[in-house]
PDB file of N, CA and C in Angstrom:
ATOM      1  N   MET A   1     -61.851  79.929 -15.022  1.00  0.00           N
ATOM      2  CA  MET A   1     -60.511  80.104 -15.187  1.00  0.00           C
ATOM      3  C   MET A   1     -59.685  78.917 -15.054  1.00  0.00           C
ATOM      4  N   ASN A   2     -58.902  78.523 -16.233  1.00  0.00           N
ATOM      5  CA  ASN A   2     -58.118  77.348 -16.263  1.00  0.00           C
ATOM      6  C   ASN A   2     -56.775  77.466 -15.804  1.00  0.00           C
ATOM      7  N   ARG A   3     -56.498  77.073 -14.733  1.00  0.00           N
ATOM      8  CA  ARG A   3     -54.935  77.170 -14.156  1.00  0.00           C
ATOM      9  C   ARG A   3     -54.090  76.079 -14.479  1.00  0.00           C
ATOM     10  N   VAL A   4     -53.139  76.280 -14.954  1.00  0.00           N
ATOM     11  CA  VAL A   4     -51.968  75.318 -15.389  1.00  0.00           C
ATOM     12  C   VAL A   4     -50.782  75.434 -14.615  1.00  0.00           C
ATOM     13  N   SER A   5     -50.438  74.321 -13.970  1.00  0.00           N
ATOM     14  CA  SER A   5     -49.184  74.318 -13.313  1.00  0.00           C
ATOM     15  C   SER A   5     -48.142  73.488 -13.671  1.00  0.00           C
ATOM     16  N   THR A   6     -46.929  73.648 -13.314  1.00  0.00           N
ATOM     17  CA  THR A   6     -45.675  72.857 -13.859  1.00  0.00           C
ATOM     18  C   THR A   6     -45.840  71.526 -13.480  1.00  0.00           C
ATOM     19  N   GLY A   7     -45.329  70.791 -13.992  1.00  0.00           N
ATOM     20  CA  GLY A   7     -45.254  69.400 -13.415  1.00  0.00           C
ATOM     21  C   GLY A   7     -43.981  68.572 -13.631  1.00  0.00           C
ATOM     22  N   GLY A   8     -43.267  68.321 -12.589  1.00  0.00           N
ATOM     23  CA  GLY A   8     -42.294  67.454 -12.624  1.00  0.00           C
ATOM     24  C   GLY A   8     -41.131  67.832 -13.619  1.00  0.00           C
ATOM     25  N   VAL A   9     -40.303  67.027 -14.107  1.00  0.00           N
ATOM     26  CA  VAL A   9     -39.112  67.204 -15.075  1.00  0.00           C
ATOM     27  C   VAL A   9     -39.731  67.878 -16.442  1.00  0.00           C
ATOM     28  N   THR A  10     -40.910  67.590 -16.858  1.00  0.00           N
ATOM     29  CA  THR A  10     -41.424  68.217 -17.955  1.00  0.00           C
ATOM     30  C   THR A  10     -41.935  69.579 -18.101  1.00  0.00           C
ATOM     31  N   GLY A  11     -41.993  70.189 -16.754  1.00  0.00           N
ATOM     32  CA  GLY A  11     -42.267  71.649 -16.556  1.00  0.00           C
ATOM     33  C   GLY A  11     -43.611  71.884 -17.396  1.00  0.00           C
ATOM     34  N   GLN A  12     -43.637  73.100 -18.096  1.00  0.00           N
ATOM     35  CA  GLN A  12     -44.833  73.354 -18.742  1.00  0.00           C
ATOM     36  C   GLN A  12     -45.376  72.421 -19.902  1.00  0.00           C
ATOM     37  N   ARG A  13     -44.501  71.520 -20.390  1.00  0.00           N
ATOM     38  CA  ARG A  13     -44.768  70.435 -21.457  1.00  0.00           C
ATOM     39  C   ARG A  13     -45.307  69.218 -20.828  1.00  0.00           C
ATOM     40  N   ASN A  14     -45.861  69.166 -19.540  1.00  0.00           N
ATOM     41  CA  ASN A  14     -46.417  68.067 -18.854  1.00  0.00           C
ATOM     42  C   ASN A  14     -47.638  67.589 -19.683  1.00  0.00           C
ATOM     43  N   PRO A  15     -47.721  66.398 -20.316  1.00  0.00           N
ATOM     44  CA  PRO A  15     -48.806  66.057 -21.045  1.00  0.00           C
ATOM     45  C   PRO A  15     -50.152  65.795 -20.055  1.00  0.00           C
ATOM     46  N   MET A  16     -49.979  65.842 -18.892  1.00  0.00           N
ATOM     47  CA  MET A  16     -51.086  65.657 -17.867  1.00  0.00           C
ATOM     48  C   MET A  16     -51.830  66.888 -17.458  1.00  0.00           C
ATOM     49  N   ILE A  17     -51.398  68.075 -17.916  1.00  0.00           N
ATOM     50  CA  ILE A  17     -51.950  69.376 -17.748  1.00  0.00           C
ATOM     51  C   ILE A  17     -52.472  69.779 -18.969  1.00  0.00           C
ATOM     52  N   THR A  18     -52.921  69.014 -20.097  1.00  0.00           N
ATOM     53  CA  THR A  18     -53.453  69.540 -21.259  1.00  0.00           C
ATOM     54  C   THR A  18     -54.974  69.281 -21.206  1.00  0.00           C
ATOM     55  N   ASN A  19     -55.648  69.858 -22.195  1.00  0.00           N
ATOM     56  CA  ASN A  19     -57.182  69.724 -22.166  1.00  0.00           C
ATOM     57  C   ASN A  19     -57.385  68.651 -23.307  1.00  0.00           C
ATOM     58  N   CYS A  20     -56.603  67.904 -24.005  1.00  0.00           N
ATOM     59  CA  CYS A  20     -56.529  66.979 -24.958  1.00  0.00           C
ATOM     60  C   CYS A  20     -56.507  65.568 -24.397  1.00  0.00           C
ATOM     61  N   LEU A  21     -57.502  64.920 -24.324  1.00  0.00           N
ATOM     62  CA  LEU A  21     -57.533  63.365 -23.938  1.00  0.00           C
ATOM     63  C   LEU A  21     -56.561  62.534 -24.496  1.00  0.00           C
ATOM     64  N   GLY A  22     -56.459  62.795 -25.889  1.00  0.00           N
ATOM     65  CA  GLY A  22     -55.324  61.808 -26.515  1.00  0.00           C
ATOM     66  C   GLY A  22     -53.962  62.041 -26.030  1.00  0.00           C
ATOM     67  N   THR A  23     -53.587  63.379 -25.700  1.00  0.00           N
ATOM     68  CA  THR A  23     -52.249  63.698 -25.067  1.00  0.00           C
ATOM     69  C   THR A  23     -52.162  63.156 -23.861  1.00  0.00           C
ATOM     70  N   VAL A  24     -53.202  63.226 -22.954  1.00  0.00           N
ATOM     71  CA  VAL A  24     -53.187  62.517 -21.505  1.00  0.00           C
ATOM     72  C   VAL A  24     -52.910  61.148 -21.549  1.00  0.00           C
ATOM     73  N   ILE A  25     -53.783  60.456 -22.473  1.00  0.00           N
ATOM     74  CA  ILE A  25     -53.534  59.015 -22.587  1.00  0.00           C
ATOM     75  C   ILE A  25     -52.203  58.600 -23.136  1.00  0.00           C
ATOM     76  N   ARG A  26     -51.399  59.350 -24.108  1.00  0.00           N
ATOM     77  CA  ARG A  26     -50.308  59.067 -24.548  1.00  0.00           C
ATOM     78  C   ARG A  26     -49.224  59.240 -23.455  1.00  0.00           C
ATOM     79  N   GLY A  27     -49.491  60.380 -22.535  1.00  0.00           N
ATOM     80  CA  GLY A  27     -48.596  60.590 -21.470  1.00  0.00           C
ATOM     81  C   GLY A  27     -48.630  59.540 -20.323  1.00  0.00           C
ATOM     82  N   LEU A  28     -49.764  58.992 -20.098  1.00  0.00           N
ATOM     83  CA  LEU A  28     -49.984  58.054 -19.173  1.00  0.00           C
ATOM     84  C   LEU A  28     -49.218  56.674 -19.611  1.00  0.00           C
ATOM     85  N   LYS A  29     -49.577  56.314 -20.718  1.00  0.00           N
ATOM     86  CA  LYS A  29     -48.928  55.080 -21.592  1.00  0.00           C
ATOM     87  C   LYS A  29     -47.520  55.353 -21.367  1.00  0.00           C
ATOM     88  N   ALA A  30     -46.737  56.436 -21.753  1.00  0.00           N
ATOM     89  CA  ALA A  30     -45.315  56.615 -21.826  1.00  0.00           C
ATOM     90  C   ALA A  30     -45.013  56.433 -20.378  1.00  0.00           C
ATOM     91  N   ARG A  31     -45.443  56.996 -19.381  1.00  0.00           N
ATOM     92  CA  ARG A  31     -45.101  56.965 -17.868  1.00  0.00           C
ATOM     93  C   ARG A  31     -45.147  55.291 -17.664  1.00  0.00           C
ATOM     94  N   VAL A  32     -46.251  54.720 -17.668  1.00  0.00           N
ATOM     95  CA  VAL A  32     -46.280  53.335 -17.364  1.00  0.00           C
ATOM     96  C   VAL A  32     -45.193  52.388 -17.985  1.00  0.00           C
ATOM     97  N   THR A  33     -45.004  52.515 -19.344  1.00  0.00           N
ATOM     98  CA  THR A  33     -44.072  51.932 -19.958  1.00  0.00           C
ATOM     99  C   THR A  33     -42.735  52.112 -19.361  1.00  0.00           C
ATOM    100  N   ARG A  34     -42.454  53.448 -19.092  1.00  0.00           N
ATOM    101  CA  ARG A  34     -41.160  53.686 -18.599  1.00  0.00           C
ATOM    102  C   ARG A  34     -40.755  53.150 -17.161  1.00  0.00           C
ATOM    103  N   TRP A  35     -42.031  53.325 -16.335  1.00  0.00           N
ATOM    104  CA  TRP A  35     -41.851  52.568 -15.007  1.00  0.00           C
ATOM    105  C   TRP A  35     -41.454  51.129 -15.118  1.00  0.00           C
ATOM    106  N   ALA A  36     -42.356  50.451 -16.037  1.00  0.00           N
ATOM    107  CA  ALA A  36     -42.120  49.041 -16.091  1.00  0.00           C
ATOM    108  C   ALA A  36     -40.817  48.697 -16.609  1.00  0.00           C
ATOM    109  N   ASN A  37     -40.266  49.391 -17.587  1.00  0.00           N
ATOM    110  CA  ASN A  37     -38.902  49.224 -18.106  1.00  0.00           C
ATOM    111  C   ASN A  37     -37.848  49.463 -16.859  1.00  0.00           C
ATOM    112  N   GLN A  38     -38.003  50.561 -16.209  1.00  0.00           N
ATOM    113  CA  GLN A  38     -36.973  50.769 -15.048  1.00  0.00           C
ATOM    114  C   GLN A  38     -37.197  49.746 -13.957  1.00  0.00           C
ATOM    115  N   ASN A  39     -38.177  49.177 -13.723  1.00  0.00           N
ATOM    116  CA  ASN A  39     -38.336  48.016 -12.888  1.00  0.00           C
ATOM    117  C   ASN A  39     -38.300  46.570 -13.424  1.00  0.00           C
ATOM    118  N   SER A  40     -37.730  46.641 -14.647  1.00  0.00           N
ATOM    119  CA  SER A  40     -37.541  45.119 -15.207  1.00  0.00           C
ATOM    120  C   SER A  40     -38.695  44.584 -15.161  1.00  0.00           C
ATOM    121  N   ILE A  41     -39.870  45.030 -15.466  1.00  0.00           N
ATOM    122  CA  ILE A  41     -40.978  44.391 -15.600  1.00  0.00           C
ATOM    123  C   ILE A  41     -41.548  44.159 -17.069  1.00  0.00           C
ATOM    124  N   PRO A  42     -41.759  42.917 -17.607  1.00  0.00           N
ATOM    125  CA  PRO A  42     -41.976  42.838 -19.102  1.00  0.00           C
ATOM    126  C   PRO A  42     -43.312  43.141 -19.131  1.00  0.00           C
ATOM    127  N   PHE A  43     -43.542  44.034 -20.037  1.00  0.00           N
ATOM    128  CA  PHE A  43     -44.905  44.783 -20.293  1.00  0.00           C
ATOM    129  C   PHE A  43     -44.882  45.401 -21.715  1.00  0.00           C
ATOM    130  N   GLY A  44     -45.984  45.422 -22.246  1.00  0.00           N
ATOM    131  CA  GLY A  44     -46.457  45.888 -23.475  1.00  0.00           C
ATOM    132  C   GLY A  44     -47.885  46.195 -23.660  1.00  0.00           C
ATOM    133  N   TRP A  45     -48.174  47.146 -24.427  1.00  0.00           N
ATOM    134  CA  TRP A  45     -49.635  47.565 -24.514  1.00  0.00           C
ATOM    135  C   TRP A  45     -50.188  46.786 -25.597  1.00  0.00           C
ATOM    136  N   GLN A  46     -51.496  46.379 -25.410  1.00  0.00           N
ATOM    137  CA  GLN A  46     -52.202  45.571 -26.297  1.00  0.00           C
ATOM    138  C   GLN A  46     -52.285  46.259 -27.891  1.00  0.00           C
ATOM    139  N   ALA A  47     -51.906  45.458 -28.754  1.00  0.00           N
ATOM    140  CA  ALA A  47     -52.054  45.969 -30.083  1.00  0.00           C
ATOM    141  C   ALA A  47     -53.333  45.841 -30.591  1.00  0.00           C
ATOM    142  N   ARG A  48     -53.759  46.583 -31.579  1.00  0.00           N
ATOM    143  CA  ARG A  48     -55.228  46.643 -32.246  1.00  0.00           C
ATOM    144  C   ARG A  48     -56.182  46.893 -31.276  1.00  0.00           C
ATOM    145  N   PHE A  49     -55.829  47.949 -30.120  1.00  0.00           N
ATOM    146  CA  PHE A  49     -56.921  48.176 -29.349  1.00  0.00           C
ATOM    147  C   PHE A  49     -57.714  49.504 -29.687  1.00  0.00           C
ATOM    148  N   TYR A  50     -58.808  49.671 -29.411  1.00  0.00           N
ATOM    149  CA  TYR A  50     -59.628  50.821 -29.547  1.00  0.00           C
ATOM    150  C   TYR A  50     -60.541  51.097 -28.435  1.00  0.00           C
ATOM    151  N   ASP A  51     -60.821  52.341 -28.151  1.00  0.00           N
ATOM    152  CA  ASP A  51     -61.719  52.709 -27.222  1.00  0.00           C
ATOM    153  C   ASP A  51     -63.174  52.688 -27.602  1.00  0.00           C
ATOM    154  N   ARG A  52     -64.162  52.524 -26.857  1.00  0.00           N
ATOM    155  CA  ARG A  52     -65.506  52.704 -27.153  1.00  0.00           C
ATOM    156  C   ARG A  52     -66.232  53.237 -25.972  1.00  0.00           C
ATOM    157  N   VAL A  53     -67.043  54.279 -26.295  1.00  0.00           N
ATOM    158  CA  VAL A  53     -68.061  54.778 -25.305  1.00  0.00           C
ATOM    159  C   VAL A  53     -69.192  53.875 -24.957  1.00  0.00           C
ATOM    160  N   VAL A  54     -69.334  53.666 -23.636  1.00  0.00           N
ATOM    161  CA  VAL A  54     -70.426  52.766 -23.195  1.00  0.00           C
ATOM    162  C   VAL A  54     -71.597  53.483 -23.274  1.00  0.00           C
ATOM    163  N   ARG A  55     -72.627  52.996 -23.810  1.00  0.00           N
ATOM    164  CA  ARG A  55     -73.832  53.977 -24.248  1.00  0.00           C
ATOM    165  C   ARG A  55     -74.796  53.695 -23.429  1.00  0.00           C
ATOM    166  N   ASN A  56     -75.032  52.526 -22.626  1.00  0.00           N
ATOM    167  CA  ASN A  56     -76.241  52.240 -21.762  1.00  0.00           C
ATOM    168  C   ASN A  56     -75.812  51.170 -20.755  1.00  0.00           C
ATOM    169  N   HIS A  57     -76.619  50.868 -19.798  1.00  0.00           N
ATOM    170  CA  HIS A  57     -76.444  49.931 -18.801  1.00  0.00           C
ATOM    171  C   HIS A  57     -76.225  48.494 -19.251  1.00  0.00           C
ATOM    172  N   ASP A  58     -77.050  48.126 -20.276  1.00  0.00           N
ATOM    173  CA  ASP A  58     -77.005  46.708 -20.761  1.00  0.00           C
ATOM    174  C   ASP A  58     -75.587  46.385 -21.527  1.00  0.00           C
ATOM    175  N   GLU A  59     -75.135  47.583 -22.194  1.00  0.00           N
ATOM    176  CA  GLU A  59     -73.766  47.471 -22.725  1.00  0.00           C
ATOM    177  C   GLU A  59     -72.611  47.310 -21.716  1.00  0.00           C
ATOM    178  N   LEU A  60     -72.850  48.095 -20.593  1.00  0.00           N
ATOM    179  CA  LEU A  60     -71.871  48.057 -19.381  1.00  0.00           C
ATOM    180  C   LEU A  60     -71.826  46.680 -19.004  1.00  0.00           C
ATOM    181  N   ASN A  61     -73.185  46.010 -18.555  1.00  0.00           N
ATOM    182  CA  ASN A  61     -73.007  44.761 -18.066  1.00  0.00           C
ATOM    183  C   ASN A  61     -72.314  43.736 -19.121  1.00  0.00           C
ATOM    184  N   ARG A  62     -72.729  43.655 -20.350  1.00  0.00           N
ATOM    185  CA  ARG A  62     -72.029  42.873 -21.457  1.00  0.00           C
ATOM    186  C   ARG A  62     -70.462  43.044 -21.281  1.00  0.00           C
ATOM    187  N   ILE A  63     -69.841  44.195 -21.145  1.00  0.00           N
ATOM    188  CA  ILE A  63     -68.593  44.469 -21.031  1.00  0.00           C
ATOM    189  C   ILE A  63     -67.880  43.872 -19.892  1.00  0.00           C
ATOM    190  N   ALA A  64     -68.711  44.067 -18.654  1.00  0.00           N
ATOM    191  CA  ALA A  64     -68.228  43.512 -17.484  1.00  0.00           C
ATOM    192  C   ALA A  64     -68.152  42.097 -17.295  1.00  0.00           C
ATOM    193  N   ASP A  65     -69.120  41.543 -18.056  1.00  0.00           N
ATOM    194  CA  ASP A  65     -69.145  40.122 -18.216  1.00  0.00           C
ATOM    195  C   ASP A  65     -67.882  39.494 -19.139  1.00  0.00           C
ATOM    196  N   TYR A  66     -67.773  40.254 -20.086  1.00  0.00           N
ATOM    197  CA  TYR A  66     -66.507  39.986 -20.854  1.00  0.00           C
ATOM    198  C   TYR A  66     -65.214  39.885 -20.214  1.00  0.00           C
ATOM    199  N   ILE A  67     -65.062  41.067 -19.430  1.00  0.00           N
ATOM    200  CA  ILE A  67     -63.739  41.206 -18.783  1.00  0.00           C
ATOM    201  C   ILE A  67     -63.688  40.093 -17.652  1.00  0.00           C
ATOM    202  N   GLU A  68     -64.785  39.876 -16.958  1.00  0.00           N
ATOM    203  CA  GLU A  68     -64.793  38.933 -15.800  1.00  0.00           C
ATOM    204  C   GLU A  68     -64.492  37.517 -16.448  1.00  0.00           C
ATOM    205  N   ASN A  69     -64.942  37.232 -17.533  1.00  0.00           N
ATOM    206  CA  ASN A  69     -64.714  35.710 -18.111  1.00  0.00           C
ATOM    207  C   ASN A  69     -63.657  35.688 -19.047  1.00  0.00           C
ATOM    208  N   ASN A  70     -62.984  36.746 -19.393  1.00  0.00           N
ATOM    209  CA  ASN A  70     -61.818  36.769 -20.391  1.00  0.00           C
ATOM    210  C   ASN A  70     -60.776  35.711 -19.982  1.00  0.00           C
ATOM    211  N   VAL A  71     -60.474  35.846 -18.665  1.00  0.00           N
ATOM    212  CA  VAL A  71     -59.353  34.778 -18.311  1.00  0.00           C
ATOM    213  C   VAL A  71     -59.798  33.349 -18.309  1.00  0.00           C
ATOM    214  N   ILE A  72     -61.082  33.209 -17.924  1.00  0.00           N
ATOM    215  CA  ILE A  72     -61.592  31.818 -17.982  1.00  0.00           C
ATOM    216  C   ILE A  72     -61.380  31.264 -19.398  1.00  0.00           C
ATOM    217  N   ASN A  73     -61.806  32.122 -20.302  1.00  0.00           N
ATOM    218  CA  ASN A  73     -61.924  31.636 -21.728  1.00  0.00           C
ATOM    219  C   ASN A  73     -60.474  31.865 -22.568  1.00  0.00           C
ATOM    220  N   TRP A  74     -59.512  32.429 -21.960  1.00  0.00           N
ATOM    221  CA  TRP A  74     -58.289  32.647 -22.632  1.00  0.00           C
ATOM    222  C   TRP A  74     -57.739  31.447 -23.383  1.00  0.00           C
ATOM    223  N   HIS A  75     -57.590  30.272 -22.830  1.00  0.00           N
ATOM    224  CA  HIS A  75     -56.980  29.061 -23.367  1.00  0.00           C
ATOM    225  C   HIS A  75     -57.910  28.693 -24.751  1.00  0.00           C
ATOM    226  N   SER A  76     -59.175  29.163 -24.868  1.00  0.00           N
ATOM    227  CA  SER A  76     -59.750  28.650 -26.073  1.00  0.00           C
ATOM    228  C   SER A  76     -59.721  29.830 -26.963  1.00  0.00           C
ATOM    229  N   ASP A  77     -59.187  30.902 -26.819  1.00  0.00           N
ATOM    230  CA  ASP A  77     -59.100  32.218 -27.778  1.00  0.00           C
ATOM    231  C   ASP A  77     -58.112  31.831 -28.761  1.00  0.00           C
ATOM    232  N   GLU A  78     -58.529  31.977 -30.238  1.00  0.00           N
ATOM    233  CA  GLU A  78     -57.776  31.841 -31.293  1.00  0.00           C
ATOM    234  C   GLU A  78     -56.537  32.769 -31.330  1.00  0.00           C
ATOM    235  N   MET A  79     -56.648  34.098 -30.699  1.00  0.00           N
ATOM    236  CA  MET A  79     -55.728  34.939 -30.727  1.00  0.00           C
ATOM    237  C   MET A  79     -54.630  34.771 -29.713  1.00  0.00           C
ATOM    238  N   ASN A  80     -54.912  33.808 -28.795  1.00  0.00           N
ATOM    239  CA  ASN A  80     -53.948  33.430 -27.771  1.00  0.00           C
ATOM    240  C   ASN A  80     -52.808  32.586 -28.287  1.00  0.00           C
ATOM    241  N   ILE A  81     -51.646  33.318 -28.748  1.00  0.00           N
ATOM    242  CA  ILE A  81     -50.375  32.703 -29.359  1.00  0.00           C
ATOM    243  C   ILE A  81     -49.386  32.541 -28.060  1.00  0.00           C
ATOM    244  N   ARG A  82     -48.935  31.383 -27.889  1.00  0.00           N
ATOM    245  CA  ARG A  82     -48.011  30.998 -26.793  1.00  0.00           C
ATOM    246  C   ARG A  82     -46.652  30.680 -27.295  1.00  0.00           C
TER     247      ARG A  82
END
């Protein structure tokens, strides 16, 4: 049995109570953006981003290494426009 409850100001249209992952992600991004704007925090989502399913442990390790070293390598990144 799938129980749906109302949520906040959106009531039954709350994107966080749907079965569609895309709708949940869209709602999450909207809420984070709104919170940042309300708190005068400069914020924007990364353009040209796509999700990828991590298929095995080796791939997970490569992704973790990339994330850990990304800040260290930021100065040499061609896409780093200041």
